[in-house]
N, C-alpha and C. Protein backbone atom coordinates (compact mmCIF):
# COMPACT_ATOMS: atom_id res chain seq x y z
N MET A 1 85.75 103.31 117.00
CA MET A 1 86.15 102.02 117.55
C MET A 1 86.10 100.96 116.45
N ILE A 2 87.25 100.47 116.02
CA ILE A 2 87.31 99.47 114.95
C ILE A 2 86.91 98.10 115.49
N ASN A 3 85.97 97.44 114.80
CA ASN A 3 85.58 96.09 115.19
C ASN A 3 85.53 95.13 114.01
N THR A 4 85.93 95.61 112.82
CA THR A 4 85.80 94.81 111.61
C THR A 4 86.97 95.06 110.66
N VAL A 5 87.49 93.98 110.08
CA VAL A 5 88.53 94.08 109.05
C VAL A 5 87.99 93.44 107.78
N ILE A 6 88.04 94.19 106.69
CA ILE A 6 87.54 93.73 105.39
C ILE A 6 88.72 93.57 104.43
N PHE A 7 88.86 92.37 103.89
CA PHE A 7 89.98 92.07 102.99
C PHE A 7 89.54 91.97 101.53
N ASP A 8 90.34 92.53 100.66
CA ASP A 8 90.36 92.12 99.26
C ASP A 8 90.99 90.72 99.23
N VAL A 9 90.85 90.02 98.11
CA VAL A 9 91.43 88.68 98.01
C VAL A 9 92.66 88.65 97.11
N GLY A 10 92.48 88.86 95.80
CA GLY A 10 93.60 88.75 94.87
C GLY A 10 94.69 89.77 95.14
N GLY A 11 95.90 89.29 95.36
CA GLY A 11 97.02 90.17 95.66
C GLY A 11 97.19 90.46 97.13
N VAL A 12 96.21 90.05 97.94
CA VAL A 12 96.27 90.28 99.38
C VAL A 12 96.25 88.94 100.13
N LEU A 13 95.17 88.21 100.00
CA LEU A 13 95.05 86.92 100.70
C LEU A 13 95.48 85.74 99.83
N VAL A 14 95.53 85.96 98.53
CA VAL A 14 96.08 84.96 97.61
C VAL A 14 96.96 85.69 96.59
N HIS A 15 97.81 84.95 95.92
CA HIS A 15 98.58 85.50 94.81
C HIS A 15 97.68 85.52 93.56
N PHE A 16 97.67 86.64 92.84
CA PHE A 16 97.01 86.69 91.55
C PHE A 16 98.08 86.46 90.50
N ASP A 17 98.05 85.29 89.86
CA ASP A 17 99.16 84.83 89.03
C ASP A 17 98.96 85.13 87.54
N ARG A 18 98.40 86.28 87.23
CA ARG A 18 98.14 86.62 85.82
C ARG A 18 99.40 86.61 84.97
N ASP A 19 100.51 87.03 85.53
CA ASP A 19 101.73 87.14 84.73
C ASP A 19 102.46 85.82 84.54
N ILE A 20 102.05 84.79 85.27
CA ILE A 20 102.69 83.48 85.10
C ILE A 20 101.69 82.37 84.78
N TYR A 21 100.42 82.72 84.66
CA TYR A 21 99.38 81.70 84.44
C TYR A 21 99.68 80.85 83.20
N PHE A 22 99.97 81.50 82.10
CA PHE A 22 100.17 80.74 80.87
C PHE A 22 101.52 80.04 80.84
N SER A 23 102.53 80.60 81.46
CA SER A 23 103.80 79.89 81.54
C SER A 23 103.66 78.65 82.42
N LYS A 24 102.84 78.72 83.46
CA LYS A 24 102.59 77.55 84.29
C LYS A 24 101.89 76.45 83.48
N ARG A 25 101.20 76.84 82.45
CA ARG A 25 100.50 75.87 81.61
C ARG A 25 101.37 75.37 80.46
N GLY A 26 102.67 75.74 80.48
CA GLY A 26 103.61 75.15 79.55
C GLY A 26 103.97 75.97 78.33
N TYR A 27 103.48 77.19 78.25
CA TYR A 27 103.79 78.02 77.08
C TYR A 27 105.15 78.68 77.21
N GLU A 28 105.83 78.81 76.08
CA GLU A 28 107.10 79.51 76.03
C GLU A 28 106.87 81.00 76.33
N PRO A 29 107.89 81.71 76.82
CA PRO A 29 107.70 83.09 77.27
C PRO A 29 107.01 84.02 76.27
N ALA A 30 107.41 83.97 75.02
CA ALA A 30 106.82 84.88 74.03
C ALA A 30 105.34 84.61 73.83
N LYS A 31 104.99 83.32 73.74
CA LYS A 31 103.59 82.95 73.55
C LYS A 31 102.79 83.24 74.82
N ALA A 32 103.37 82.98 75.96
CA ALA A 32 102.70 83.26 77.23
C ALA A 32 102.39 84.75 77.36
N LYS A 33 103.31 85.59 76.92
CA LYS A 33 103.09 87.04 76.98
C LYS A 33 101.94 87.45 76.06
N GLN A 34 101.89 86.87 74.86
CA GLN A 34 100.80 87.16 73.94
C GLN A 34 99.45 86.78 74.54
N LEU A 35 99.40 85.61 75.14
CA LEU A 35 98.16 85.13 75.73
C LEU A 35 97.75 85.98 76.93
N THR A 36 98.73 86.38 77.72
CA THR A 36 98.44 87.24 78.88
C THR A 36 97.80 88.54 78.44
N GLN A 37 98.35 89.13 77.40
CA GLN A 37 97.80 90.39 76.89
C GLN A 37 96.42 90.19 76.29
N ALA A 38 96.24 89.07 75.58
CA ALA A 38 94.96 88.81 74.91
C ALA A 38 93.84 88.52 75.89
N VAL A 39 94.20 88.01 77.06
CA VAL A 39 93.18 87.61 78.05
C VAL A 39 93.08 88.61 79.20
N PHE A 40 94.15 88.75 79.96
CA PHE A 40 94.08 89.54 81.19
C PHE A 40 94.01 91.05 80.94
N ASP A 41 94.53 91.49 79.79
CA ASP A 41 94.48 92.91 79.47
C ASP A 41 93.24 93.27 78.65
N HIS A 42 92.44 92.29 78.32
CA HIS A 42 91.23 92.53 77.52
C HIS A 42 90.12 93.06 78.42
N PRO A 43 89.35 94.05 77.95
CA PRO A 43 88.26 94.58 78.77
C PRO A 43 87.26 93.52 79.22
N ALA A 44 87.12 92.45 78.45
CA ALA A 44 86.15 91.42 78.80
C ALA A 44 86.56 90.62 80.03
N TRP A 45 87.83 90.72 80.46
CA TRP A 45 88.22 90.01 81.68
C TRP A 45 87.36 90.45 82.87
N LEU A 46 86.99 91.72 82.91
CA LEU A 46 86.17 92.23 84.00
C LEU A 46 84.79 91.59 84.02
N GLU A 47 84.37 91.03 82.89
CA GLU A 47 83.05 90.39 82.86
C GLU A 47 82.98 89.16 83.74
N TYR A 48 84.11 88.49 83.95
CA TYR A 48 84.12 87.40 84.93
C TYR A 48 83.70 87.93 86.29
N ASP A 49 84.33 89.05 86.68
CA ASP A 49 84.07 89.63 88.00
C ASP A 49 82.64 90.15 88.13
N LEU A 50 82.12 90.72 87.05
CA LEU A 50 80.78 91.27 87.09
C LEU A 50 79.69 90.21 87.08
N GLY A 51 80.01 89.04 86.53
CA GLY A 51 79.04 87.95 86.54
C GLY A 51 77.85 88.16 85.64
N ASN A 52 77.98 89.01 84.61
CA ASN A 52 76.86 89.28 83.72
C ASN A 52 76.85 88.39 82.49
N LEU A 53 77.99 87.78 82.17
CA LEU A 53 78.11 86.95 80.98
C LEU A 53 78.60 85.56 81.37
N ASP A 54 78.21 84.55 80.58
CA ASP A 54 78.72 83.20 80.84
C ASP A 54 80.15 83.09 80.31
N ASP A 55 80.85 82.06 80.77
CA ASP A 55 82.26 81.90 80.43
C ASP A 55 82.50 81.73 78.93
N VAL A 56 81.60 81.04 78.24
CA VAL A 56 81.77 80.82 76.80
C VAL A 56 81.75 82.15 76.06
N THR A 57 80.83 83.02 76.43
CA THR A 57 80.73 84.33 75.78
C THR A 57 81.99 85.16 76.02
N ILE A 58 82.50 85.09 77.25
CA ILE A 58 83.72 85.84 77.58
C ILE A 58 84.90 85.31 76.77
N ARG A 59 85.06 83.99 76.73
CA ARG A 59 86.15 83.41 75.94
C ARG A 59 86.03 83.79 74.47
N ASN A 60 84.82 83.79 73.96
CA ASN A 60 84.62 84.15 72.56
C ASN A 60 85.06 85.58 72.27
N ARG A 61 84.88 86.46 73.23
CA ARG A 61 85.34 87.85 73.04
C ARG A 61 86.86 87.90 72.96
N PHE A 62 87.53 87.13 73.84
CA PHE A 62 88.99 87.07 73.76
C PHE A 62 89.43 86.55 72.39
N MET A 63 88.79 85.47 71.96
CA MET A 63 89.20 84.81 70.72
C MET A 63 88.87 85.65 69.49
N GLN A 64 87.78 86.40 69.55
CA GLN A 64 87.42 87.25 68.43
C GLN A 64 88.49 88.31 68.16
N ASP A 65 89.08 88.83 69.22
CA ASP A 65 90.08 89.88 69.08
C ASP A 65 91.50 89.34 68.93
N ALA A 66 91.67 88.04 69.13
CA ALA A 66 92.99 87.42 68.92
C ALA A 66 92.78 86.05 68.27
N PRO A 67 92.27 86.03 67.04
CA PRO A 67 91.92 84.75 66.40
C PRO A 67 93.11 83.81 66.24
N GLU A 68 94.31 84.36 66.13
CA GLU A 68 95.50 83.52 65.98
C GLU A 68 95.82 82.74 67.26
N LEU A 69 95.19 83.15 68.37
CA LEU A 69 95.41 82.49 69.66
C LEU A 69 94.19 81.72 70.13
N ALA A 70 93.20 81.61 69.26
CA ALA A 70 91.90 81.09 69.67
C ALA A 70 91.99 79.70 70.31
N ASP A 71 92.71 78.79 69.69
CA ASP A 71 92.78 77.42 70.21
C ASP A 71 93.43 77.40 71.60
N ASP A 72 94.48 78.18 71.77
CA ASP A 72 95.18 78.21 73.05
C ASP A 72 94.32 78.87 74.13
N ILE A 73 93.60 79.92 73.77
CA ILE A 73 92.71 80.56 74.73
C ILE A 73 91.62 79.60 75.16
N GLU A 74 91.03 78.94 74.20
CA GLU A 74 89.93 78.00 74.50
C GLU A 74 90.37 76.92 75.48
N LYS A 75 91.47 76.25 75.19
CA LYS A 75 91.87 75.13 76.04
C LYS A 75 92.47 75.57 77.36
N SER A 76 92.97 76.80 77.43
CA SER A 76 93.59 77.28 78.67
C SER A 76 92.59 77.87 79.64
N LEU A 77 91.39 78.20 79.16
CA LEU A 77 90.41 78.85 80.02
C LEU A 77 89.15 78.02 80.24
N ILE A 78 89.19 76.76 79.86
CA ILE A 78 88.06 75.89 80.16
C ILE A 78 87.85 75.83 81.67
N HIS A 79 88.94 75.80 82.39
CA HIS A 79 88.89 76.00 83.85
C HIS A 79 89.93 77.05 84.19
N LEU A 80 89.82 77.64 85.39
CA LEU A 80 90.71 78.73 85.78
C LEU A 80 91.56 78.37 86.99
N HIS A 81 91.77 77.09 87.23
CA HIS A 81 92.63 76.72 88.33
C HIS A 81 94.05 77.21 88.06
N GLY A 82 94.62 77.90 89.05
CA GLY A 82 95.97 78.43 88.90
C GLY A 82 96.00 79.91 88.60
N VAL A 83 94.85 80.52 88.33
CA VAL A 83 94.84 81.97 88.16
C VAL A 83 95.21 82.65 89.48
N ILE A 84 94.77 82.05 90.56
CA ILE A 84 95.21 82.48 91.89
C ILE A 84 95.88 81.31 92.58
N SER A 85 96.73 81.59 93.54
CA SER A 85 97.40 80.52 94.28
C SER A 85 97.50 80.89 95.77
N LYS A 86 97.66 79.90 96.57
CA LYS A 86 97.60 80.01 98.02
C LYS A 86 98.77 80.82 98.59
N LYS A 87 98.47 81.60 99.64
CA LYS A 87 99.49 82.25 100.46
C LYS A 87 99.48 81.56 101.83
N THR A 88 100.63 81.09 102.25
CA THR A 88 100.70 80.40 103.54
C THR A 88 100.50 81.35 104.71
N SER A 89 100.66 82.64 104.48
CA SER A 89 100.52 83.63 105.55
C SER A 89 99.07 83.98 105.86
N THR A 90 98.15 83.61 105.00
CA THR A 90 96.78 84.11 105.11
C THR A 90 96.05 83.61 106.34
N ILE A 91 96.00 82.31 106.56
CA ILE A 91 95.24 81.78 107.69
C ILE A 91 95.80 82.25 109.03
N PRO A 92 97.13 82.23 109.24
CA PRO A 92 97.65 82.77 110.50
C PRO A 92 97.30 84.25 110.69
N TRP A 93 97.30 85.02 109.61
CA TRP A 93 96.96 86.44 109.70
C TRP A 93 95.50 86.63 110.13
N ILE A 94 94.62 85.90 109.47
CA ILE A 94 93.20 85.99 109.83
C ILE A 94 92.98 85.59 111.28
N ARG A 95 93.60 84.50 111.69
CA ARG A 95 93.44 84.03 113.08
C ARG A 95 93.92 85.07 114.08
N SER A 96 95.04 85.70 113.78
CA SER A 96 95.58 86.70 114.71
C SER A 96 94.64 87.89 114.85
N ILE A 97 93.99 88.26 113.77
CA ILE A 97 93.03 89.37 113.80
C ILE A 97 91.79 88.97 114.61
N GLN A 98 91.32 87.77 114.37
CA GLN A 98 90.14 87.30 115.11
C GLN A 98 90.42 87.17 116.60
N GLN A 99 91.64 86.81 116.94
CA GLN A 99 92.00 86.69 118.35
C GLN A 99 92.00 88.04 119.06
N MET A 100 92.05 89.11 118.28
CA MET A 100 91.96 90.45 118.85
C MET A 100 90.51 90.91 118.98
N GLY A 101 89.58 90.02 118.65
CA GLY A 101 88.16 90.32 118.79
C GLY A 101 87.52 90.96 117.57
N GLN A 102 88.24 90.97 116.46
CA GLN A 102 87.72 91.57 115.24
C GLN A 102 86.93 90.57 114.41
N LYS A 103 85.88 91.06 113.75
CA LYS A 103 85.23 90.28 112.72
C LYS A 103 86.01 90.46 111.42
N VAL A 104 85.98 89.43 110.57
CA VAL A 104 86.73 89.46 109.32
C VAL A 104 85.80 89.14 108.15
N TYR A 105 85.83 90.00 107.15
CA TYR A 105 85.00 89.81 105.96
C TYR A 105 85.85 89.90 104.69
N ILE A 106 85.26 89.43 103.60
CA ILE A 106 85.89 89.47 102.28
C ILE A 106 85.07 90.37 101.36
N LEU A 107 85.75 91.25 100.63
CA LEU A 107 85.12 92.06 99.57
C LEU A 107 86.01 91.94 98.34
N SER A 108 85.57 91.14 97.37
CA SER A 108 86.48 90.79 96.27
C SER A 108 85.83 90.92 94.90
N ASN A 109 86.59 91.51 93.97
CA ASN A 109 86.25 91.43 92.55
C ASN A 109 86.74 90.07 92.06
N ILE A 110 85.82 89.16 91.83
CA ILE A 110 86.22 87.81 91.43
C ILE A 110 85.07 87.13 90.70
N GLY A 111 85.41 86.22 89.81
CA GLY A 111 84.40 85.52 89.02
C GLY A 111 83.99 84.20 89.63
N LYS A 112 82.82 83.73 89.26
CA LYS A 112 82.28 82.47 89.79
C LYS A 112 83.20 81.29 89.50
N THR A 113 83.70 81.21 88.26
CA THR A 113 84.55 80.09 87.88
C THR A 113 85.87 80.12 88.63
N CYS A 114 86.40 81.30 88.85
CA CYS A 114 87.65 81.42 89.61
C CYS A 114 87.46 80.90 91.03
N VAL A 115 86.34 81.25 91.65
CA VAL A 115 86.06 80.76 93.00
C VAL A 115 85.89 79.24 92.99
N ALA A 116 85.10 78.74 92.05
CA ALA A 116 84.81 77.31 92.00
C ALA A 116 86.05 76.47 91.71
N ASP A 117 86.95 76.98 90.87
CA ASP A 117 88.10 76.20 90.42
C ASP A 117 89.34 76.35 91.32
N ASN A 118 89.26 77.23 92.32
CA ASN A 118 90.43 77.49 93.15
C ASN A 118 90.12 77.37 94.64
N ARG A 119 89.33 76.37 94.99
CA ARG A 119 88.96 76.17 96.39
C ARG A 119 90.19 75.92 97.26
N ASP A 120 91.22 75.33 96.67
CA ASP A 120 92.44 75.07 97.44
C ASP A 120 93.10 76.37 97.89
N ALA A 121 93.13 77.35 97.01
CA ALA A 121 93.74 78.64 97.36
C ALA A 121 92.84 79.47 98.28
N LEU A 122 91.54 79.17 98.26
CA LEU A 122 90.56 79.92 99.04
C LEU A 122 90.12 79.16 100.29
N ASP A 123 91.02 78.36 100.84
CA ASP A 123 90.65 77.51 101.97
C ASP A 123 90.35 78.29 103.25
N PHE A 124 90.64 79.57 103.26
CA PHE A 124 90.38 80.42 104.44
C PHE A 124 88.95 80.93 104.49
N VAL A 125 88.20 80.74 103.41
CA VAL A 125 86.86 81.33 103.30
C VAL A 125 85.94 80.87 104.43
N SER A 126 86.06 79.61 104.83
CA SER A 126 85.19 79.09 105.88
C SER A 126 85.46 79.73 107.24
N MET A 127 86.59 80.41 107.37
CA MET A 127 86.97 81.02 108.66
C MET A 127 86.35 82.39 108.88
N VAL A 128 85.97 83.08 107.79
CA VAL A 128 85.58 84.48 107.91
C VAL A 128 84.09 84.61 108.21
N ASP A 129 83.69 85.82 108.57
CA ASP A 129 82.31 86.07 108.96
C ASP A 129 81.37 86.27 107.79
N GLY A 130 81.92 86.53 106.62
CA GLY A 130 81.08 86.69 105.44
C GLY A 130 81.90 87.10 104.24
N CYS A 131 81.37 86.79 103.05
CA CYS A 131 82.06 87.12 101.80
C CYS A 131 81.11 87.86 100.87
N PHE A 132 81.62 88.93 100.28
CA PHE A 132 80.91 89.66 99.24
C PHE A 132 81.67 89.45 97.95
N TRP A 133 81.20 88.50 97.13
CA TRP A 133 81.83 88.21 95.85
C TRP A 133 81.15 89.05 94.77
N SER A 134 81.93 89.74 93.97
CA SER A 134 81.37 90.67 92.99
C SER A 134 80.43 89.99 92.00
N TYR A 135 80.77 88.77 91.57
CA TYR A 135 79.95 88.11 90.55
C TYR A 135 78.54 87.82 91.04
N GLU A 136 78.37 87.68 92.36
CA GLU A 136 77.03 87.40 92.90
C GLU A 136 76.15 88.64 92.92
N HIS A 137 76.77 89.82 92.88
CA HIS A 137 76.02 91.07 93.01
C HIS A 137 76.13 91.97 91.78
N HIS A 138 76.94 91.55 90.79
CA HIS A 138 77.07 92.26 89.52
C HIS A 138 77.55 93.70 89.69
N VAL A 139 78.49 93.86 90.60
CA VAL A 139 79.09 95.17 90.83
C VAL A 139 80.52 94.95 91.31
N ILE A 140 81.44 95.82 90.86
CA ILE A 140 82.85 95.67 91.22
C ILE A 140 83.39 96.95 91.82
N LYS A 141 84.38 96.78 92.69
CA LYS A 141 85.15 97.94 93.17
C LYS A 141 85.87 98.57 91.98
N PRO A 142 86.02 99.87 91.94
CA PRO A 142 85.80 100.84 93.02
C PRO A 142 84.41 101.47 93.05
N ASP A 143 83.44 100.89 92.38
CA ASP A 143 82.08 101.41 92.42
C ASP A 143 81.60 101.47 93.87
N LEU A 144 81.15 102.61 94.31
CA LEU A 144 80.72 102.75 95.70
C LEU A 144 79.51 101.89 96.02
N LYS A 145 78.78 101.47 94.98
CA LYS A 145 77.64 100.58 95.22
C LYS A 145 78.09 99.25 95.83
N ALA A 146 79.29 98.81 95.47
CA ALA A 146 79.79 97.56 96.04
C ALA A 146 79.96 97.68 97.55
N PHE A 147 80.50 98.80 97.98
CA PHE A 147 80.68 99.03 99.41
C PHE A 147 79.33 99.16 100.12
N GLN A 148 78.41 99.90 99.51
CA GLN A 148 77.10 100.10 100.13
C GLN A 148 76.36 98.78 100.26
N MET A 149 76.38 97.98 99.21
CA MET A 149 75.67 96.70 99.24
C MET A 149 76.26 95.77 100.29
N MET A 150 77.59 95.78 100.42
CA MET A 150 78.21 94.92 101.43
C MET A 150 77.87 95.38 102.83
N MET A 151 77.95 96.68 103.08
CA MET A 151 77.63 97.20 104.42
C MET A 151 76.20 96.85 104.80
N ASP A 152 75.29 96.96 103.82
CA ASP A 152 73.89 96.65 104.08
C ASP A 152 73.70 95.16 104.35
N GLN A 153 74.37 94.32 103.56
CA GLN A 153 74.19 92.88 103.71
C GLN A 153 74.66 92.37 105.06
N PHE A 154 75.81 92.89 105.53
CA PHE A 154 76.40 92.37 106.77
C PHE A 154 76.25 93.32 107.96
N HIS A 155 75.50 94.40 107.75
CA HIS A 155 75.23 95.35 108.83
C HIS A 155 76.53 95.87 109.46
N ILE A 156 77.42 96.33 108.58
CA ILE A 156 78.72 96.86 109.01
C ILE A 156 78.66 98.39 109.03
N ASP A 157 79.16 98.97 110.09
CA ASP A 157 79.30 100.42 110.16
C ASP A 157 80.66 100.77 109.57
N PRO A 158 80.70 101.48 108.43
CA PRO A 158 82.00 101.76 107.79
C PRO A 158 82.97 102.52 108.69
N LYS A 159 82.44 103.29 109.62
CA LYS A 159 83.32 104.04 110.52
C LYS A 159 84.02 103.13 111.53
N GLN A 160 83.59 101.88 111.60
CA GLN A 160 84.18 100.92 112.53
C GLN A 160 84.93 99.80 111.81
N ALA A 161 85.27 100.04 110.53
CA ALA A 161 85.87 98.97 109.72
C ALA A 161 87.11 99.45 108.98
N VAL A 162 88.09 98.57 108.89
CA VAL A 162 89.29 98.77 108.08
C VAL A 162 89.16 97.96 106.80
N PHE A 163 89.45 98.59 105.67
CA PHE A 163 89.39 97.93 104.37
C PHE A 163 90.80 97.85 103.79
N ILE A 164 91.23 96.63 103.45
CA ILE A 164 92.59 96.39 102.96
C ILE A 164 92.53 95.90 101.51
N ASP A 165 93.22 96.60 100.62
CA ASP A 165 93.21 96.25 99.19
C ASP A 165 94.57 96.62 98.60
N ASP A 166 95.00 95.87 97.58
CA ASP A 166 96.28 96.17 96.95
C ASP A 166 96.14 97.13 95.77
N THR A 167 94.92 97.51 95.43
CA THR A 167 94.68 98.46 94.35
C THR A 167 94.32 99.81 94.96
N LYS A 168 95.15 100.80 94.69
CA LYS A 168 95.01 102.08 95.39
C LYS A 168 93.67 102.75 95.13
N LYS A 169 93.15 102.65 93.90
CA LYS A 169 91.88 103.31 93.61
C LYS A 169 90.73 102.67 94.39
N ASN A 170 90.86 101.38 94.70
CA ASN A 170 89.83 100.74 95.53
C ASN A 170 89.91 101.23 96.96
N VAL A 171 91.14 101.40 97.45
CA VAL A 171 91.33 101.92 98.81
C VAL A 171 90.76 103.33 98.91
N GLU A 172 91.03 104.15 97.89
CA GLU A 172 90.52 105.52 97.90
C GLU A 172 89.00 105.53 97.86
N ALA A 173 88.40 104.61 97.12
CA ALA A 173 86.94 104.51 97.08
C ALA A 173 86.40 104.12 98.45
N GLY A 174 87.10 103.18 99.11
CA GLY A 174 86.68 102.77 100.45
C GLY A 174 86.74 103.94 101.42
N LYS A 175 87.78 104.74 101.33
CA LYS A 175 87.90 105.92 102.18
C LYS A 175 86.77 106.91 101.90
N GLN A 176 86.47 107.08 100.62
CA GLN A 176 85.39 107.99 100.23
C GLN A 176 84.07 107.52 100.83
N PHE A 177 83.91 106.22 100.92
CA PHE A 177 82.68 105.67 101.48
C PHE A 177 82.62 105.81 102.99
N GLY A 178 83.78 105.99 103.61
CA GLY A 178 83.82 106.16 105.06
C GLY A 178 84.60 105.11 105.81
N LEU A 179 85.16 104.15 105.08
CA LEU A 179 85.99 103.11 105.69
C LEU A 179 87.39 103.64 105.99
N TYR A 180 88.06 102.98 106.91
CA TYR A 180 89.47 103.25 107.15
C TYR A 180 90.24 102.43 106.11
N GLY A 181 90.85 103.10 105.13
CA GLY A 181 91.51 102.41 104.03
C GLY A 181 92.97 102.12 104.29
N LEU A 182 93.39 100.89 103.99
CA LEU A 182 94.79 100.50 104.14
C LEU A 182 95.25 99.90 102.81
N TRP A 183 96.23 100.55 102.21
CA TRP A 183 96.76 100.10 100.92
C TRP A 183 97.82 99.02 101.15
N TYR A 184 97.52 97.81 100.69
CA TYR A 184 98.44 96.67 100.81
C TYR A 184 99.53 96.79 99.75
N GLN A 185 100.77 96.86 100.20
CA GLN A 185 101.91 96.90 99.28
C GLN A 185 102.79 95.66 99.42
N ASP A 186 102.92 95.16 100.62
CA ASP A 186 103.54 93.86 100.85
C ASP A 186 103.06 93.35 102.20
N GLN A 187 103.31 92.08 102.47
CA GLN A 187 102.74 91.44 103.65
C GLN A 187 103.20 92.08 104.96
N ARG A 188 104.50 92.32 105.06
CA ARG A 188 105.04 92.87 106.30
C ARG A 188 104.46 94.26 106.58
N GLN A 189 104.44 95.09 105.55
CA GLN A 189 103.90 96.45 105.70
C GLN A 189 102.43 96.43 106.10
N ALA A 190 101.65 95.59 105.44
CA ALA A 190 100.21 95.55 105.72
C ALA A 190 99.92 95.04 107.13
N GLU A 191 100.62 93.98 107.54
CA GLU A 191 100.42 93.45 108.89
C GLU A 191 100.80 94.50 109.93
N SER A 192 101.92 95.19 109.71
CA SER A 192 102.38 96.19 110.65
C SER A 192 101.41 97.36 110.74
N ASP A 193 100.94 97.84 109.57
CA ASP A 193 100.02 98.97 109.55
C ASP A 193 98.69 98.61 110.20
N LEU A 194 98.19 97.41 109.92
CA LEU A 194 96.92 97.00 110.52
C LEU A 194 97.06 96.83 112.02
N MET A 195 98.16 96.24 112.47
CA MET A 195 98.36 96.05 113.91
C MET A 195 98.41 97.39 114.62
N ALA A 196 99.03 98.38 114.00
CA ALA A 196 99.09 99.72 114.61
C ALA A 196 97.70 100.30 114.75
N ILE A 197 96.86 100.07 113.76
CA ILE A 197 95.50 100.57 113.82
C ILE A 197 94.71 99.88 114.93
N LEU A 198 94.82 98.56 114.98
CA LEU A 198 94.02 97.79 115.95
C LEU A 198 94.52 98.00 117.38
N LYS A 199 95.81 98.13 117.55
CA LYS A 199 96.34 98.35 118.90
C LYS A 199 96.00 99.74 119.39
N GLY A 200 95.85 100.68 118.47
CA GLY A 200 95.50 102.04 118.85
C GLY A 200 93.99 102.24 118.96
N ASN A 201 93.27 101.15 118.79
CA ASN A 201 91.82 101.16 118.75
C ASN A 201 91.23 101.55 120.12
């Protein structure tokens, strides 16, 4: 009996704008591509989500490996507003799920600065029953510890919960843990698949 829906955030409830972040900040396409690779493709990007290092240390790692871009990296990452952006479909979707009697939770790989600097895109957070932010617990999906810690914190029975994520390996990890996994590929597909699950509940 499903009574809980657990959402990933980036790529599901908000847009993750990694491929346009630097162009939005005014960089020409070639330079924006260089910066995207130097930042978002760097292994240290995950350190934001893990919450083990401060932002200055993370930026320094980016700049150390791309010294020719150091000034642009520094000034572009002092804050992270715009890394994610609002989806107008999110709040109506959450409300429709709650109207069916479901609890709604968040399980997200995300950094402290991203949360703090993008409150506008995360305006749905106050509506949900609880949030498990990776940076607060120093663990990220698809590590099964993230799922275990969340289930323990909010007293969720994985056999009674649907987990929605746009990253397939995270969905597979959720299934391995015992959750009903739903791979988000686009909004229409995800809403339709979730409704079929809940109506068949």
